[in-house]
Amino acid sequence: MKLLDNKPVQTFLAVAPVLLAALCFIGYFAFFVSVFGSINHGHKAEWLPVSFLNNMDALLLAAFVLPVLFILSTVYFVLHAAQNPLLEKGNMRVVWILIIILLSVAGNFIYWLLEIRNKRTEPVIGDALHRKKQAGWSGGLYMKN
């Protein structure tokens, strides 16, 4: 439960995918501009494959790292929302889980911004689970002994 209350982990999993995705889009744009810009400058056709593969390593790395980071971040924030005692009012838990899943990276960032960063100063998940266990709750979120 400590991992779900870890502020540096929360911040990294909320902000890093957004920043890396933005950097990837900028990189893709710069990559294609450089490749197709070399065609307009009169370079010979045999130079096109070399210039095309010149900076492909960063794009391939991003193609493998970003999906893993996106999935890890989404799973983390779904677990956080499922165990967040501040979301027990109404259907807020279900609404946030749907937002996180459907909007993926943007949903993670919005959830972190509105429900984690702006609403609490100390960890609440571990404390709430400890209080529930002391009150006789079993491991489930809604089942009582």
Protein backbone atom coordinates (compact mmCIF):
# COMPACT_ATOMS: atom_id res chain seq x y z
CA MET A 1 0.00 0.00 0.00
CA LYS A 2 2.97 2.32 0.47
CA LEU A 3 3.56 2.40 -3.28
CA LEU A 4 0.07 3.82 -3.88
CA ASP A 5 0.80 6.66 -1.42
CA ASN A 6 4.27 7.44 -2.76
CA LYS A 7 4.17 11.02 -4.07
CA PRO A 8 7.29 10.81 -6.28
CA VAL A 9 5.93 7.66 -7.95
CA GLN A 10 2.53 9.30 -8.45
CA THR A 11 4.10 12.40 -9.93
CA PHE A 12 6.38 10.40 -12.23
CA LEU A 13 3.56 8.14 -13.49
CA ALA A 14 1.29 11.14 -14.10
CA VAL A 15 3.74 13.57 -15.67
CA ALA A 16 6.35 11.38 -17.41
CA PRO A 17 3.96 9.79 -19.96
CA VAL A 18 2.59 13.21 -20.93
CA LEU A 19 6.06 14.73 -21.34
CA LEU A 20 7.46 11.71 -23.18
CA ALA A 21 4.48 11.62 -25.53
CA ALA A 22 4.93 15.32 -26.29
CA LEU A 23 8.65 14.80 -26.91
CA CYS A 24 7.85 11.88 -29.21
CA PHE A 25 5.45 13.94 -31.28
CA ILE A 26 8.04 16.69 -31.58
CA GLY A 27 10.67 14.07 -32.47
CA TYR A 28 8.42 12.47 -35.09
CA PHE A 29 7.79 15.87 -36.65
CA ALA A 30 11.49 16.77 -36.68
CA PHE A 31 12.38 13.34 -38.05
CA PHE A 32 10.00 13.54 -40.98
CA VAL A 33 10.88 17.15 -41.72
CA SER A 34 14.58 16.26 -41.84
CA VAL A 35 14.00 13.21 -44.05
CA PHE A 36 11.66 14.88 -46.49
CA GLY A 37 13.57 18.15 -46.31
CA SER A 38 16.64 16.39 -47.67
CA ILE A 39 14.64 15.33 -50.73
CA ASN A 40 13.81 18.96 -51.59
CA HIS A 41 17.43 20.07 -51.32
CA GLY A 42 18.51 18.04 -54.31
CA HIS A 43 20.17 15.14 -52.50
CA LYS A 44 20.53 12.01 -54.53
CA ALA A 45 17.99 9.23 -54.10
CA GLU A 46 20.58 6.79 -52.71
CA TRP A 47 21.07 9.03 -49.67
CA LEU A 48 17.42 8.74 -48.63
CA PRO A 49 17.72 5.37 -46.79
CA VAL A 50 20.76 6.58 -44.85
CA SER A 51 19.07 9.78 -43.76
CA PHE A 52 15.87 7.88 -43.04
CA LEU A 53 17.61 5.47 -40.66
CA ASN A 54 19.99 8.04 -39.19
CA ASN A 55 17.96 8.84 -36.04
CA MET A 56 15.64 5.88 -36.03
CA ASP A 57 17.06 4.45 -32.76
CA ALA A 58 15.38 7.08 -30.57
CA LEU A 59 12.05 6.54 -32.30
CA LEU A 60 12.27 2.77 -31.90
CA LEU A 61 13.17 3.13 -28.23
CA ALA A 62 10.19 5.40 -27.70
CA ALA A 63 7.96 2.95 -29.57
CA PHE A 64 8.79 0.27 -27.01
CA VAL A 65 9.08 2.34 -23.83
CA LEU A 66 5.99 4.54 -24.16
CA PRO A 67 3.35 1.78 -24.41
CA VAL A 68 4.80 0.04 -21.36
CA LEU A 69 4.83 3.32 -19.43
CA PHE A 70 1.26 4.12 -20.53
CA ILE A 71 -0.04 0.71 -19.40
CA LEU A 72 1.87 0.82 -16.11
CA SER A 73 0.60 4.31 -15.38
CA THR A 74 -3.02 3.42 -16.20
CA VAL A 75 -2.96 0.29 -14.03
CA TYR A 76 -1.40 2.23 -11.15
CA PHE A 77 -4.03 4.98 -11.22
CA VAL A 78 -6.92 2.51 -11.61
CA LEU A 79 -5.67 0.71 -8.50
CA HIS A 80 -5.30 4.04 -6.71
CA ALA A 81 -8.82 5.13 -7.62
CA ALA A 82 -10.24 1.74 -6.60
CA GLN A 83 -8.72 2.08 -3.13
CA ASN A 84 -9.06 5.84 -2.61
CA PRO A 85 -11.41 6.41 0.35
CA LEU A 86 -12.03 9.99 -0.78
CA LEU A 87 -14.02 8.61 -3.74
CA GLU A 88 -16.65 6.76 -1.69
CA LYS A 89 -19.34 9.40 -2.25
CA GLY A 90 -21.82 8.48 -4.97
CA ASN A 91 -20.37 6.95 -8.11
CA MET A 92 -17.15 8.94 -8.12
CA ARG A 93 -15.00 5.80 -7.94
CA VAL A 94 -16.62 4.32 -11.05
CA VAL A 95 -16.53 7.65 -12.88
CA TRP A 96 -12.82 8.13 -12.19
CA ILE A 97 -11.94 4.56 -13.17
CA LEU A 98 -13.80 5.03 -16.47
CA ILE A 99 -12.07 8.36 -17.09
CA ILE A 100 -8.66 6.83 -16.36
CA ILE A 101 -9.26 3.84 -18.64
CA LEU A 102 -10.93 5.68 -21.52
CA LEU A 103 -8.64 8.71 -21.60
CA SER A 104 -5.48 6.76 -20.68
CA VAL A 105 -2.58 9.19 -20.31
CA ALA A 106 -4.77 12.30 -20.19
CA GLY A 107 -7.10 10.60 -17.68
CA ASN A 108 -4.14 9.65 -15.48
CA PHE A 109 -2.87 13.21 -15.50
CA ILE A 110 -6.31 14.69 -14.79
CA TYR A 111 -6.92 12.22 -11.93
CA TRP A 112 -3.51 12.98 -10.44
CA LEU A 113 -4.05 16.71 -10.77
CA LEU A 114 -7.58 16.84 -9.33
CA GLU A 115 -7.79 13.93 -6.90
CA ILE A 116 -4.25 13.41 -5.64
CA ARG A 117 -2.20 16.57 -5.93
CA ASN A 118 -4.86 19.12 -5.00
CA LYS A 119 -6.84 17.21 -2.36
CA ARG A 120 -4.50 15.67 0.15
CA THR A 121 -1.37 16.49 2.03
CA GLU A 122 -0.72 13.10 3.66
CA PRO A 123 -1.27 9.51 2.50
CA VAL A 124 -4.86 8.38 2.82
CA ILE A 125 -5.03 4.90 1.30
CA GLY A 126 -2.84 3.12 3.84
CA ASP A 127 -4.46 4.97 6.75
CA ALA A 128 -7.99 4.24 5.55
CA LEU A 129 -7.29 0.53 5.04
CA HIS A 130 -5.73 0.35 8.49
CA ARG A 131 -8.82 1.98 10.03
CA LYS A 132 -11.14 -0.38 8.10
CA LYS A 133 -9.24 -3.45 9.29
CA GLN A 134 -9.40 -2.20 12.87
CA ALA A 135 -13.16 -1.72 12.45
CA GLY A 136 -13.58 -5.34 11.33
CA TRP A 137 -13.43 -5.04 7.55
CA SER A 138 -11.97 -7.93 5.58
CA GLY A 139 -9.60 -7.50 2.60
CA GLY A 140 -12.42 -6.56 0.20
CA LEU A 141 -13.48 -3.00 -0.32
CA TYR A 142 -17.20 -3.55 0.36
CA MET A 143 -17.41 -6.81 2.32
CA LYS A 144 -17.81 -6.82 6.08
CA ASN A 145 -16.97 -9.80 8.30
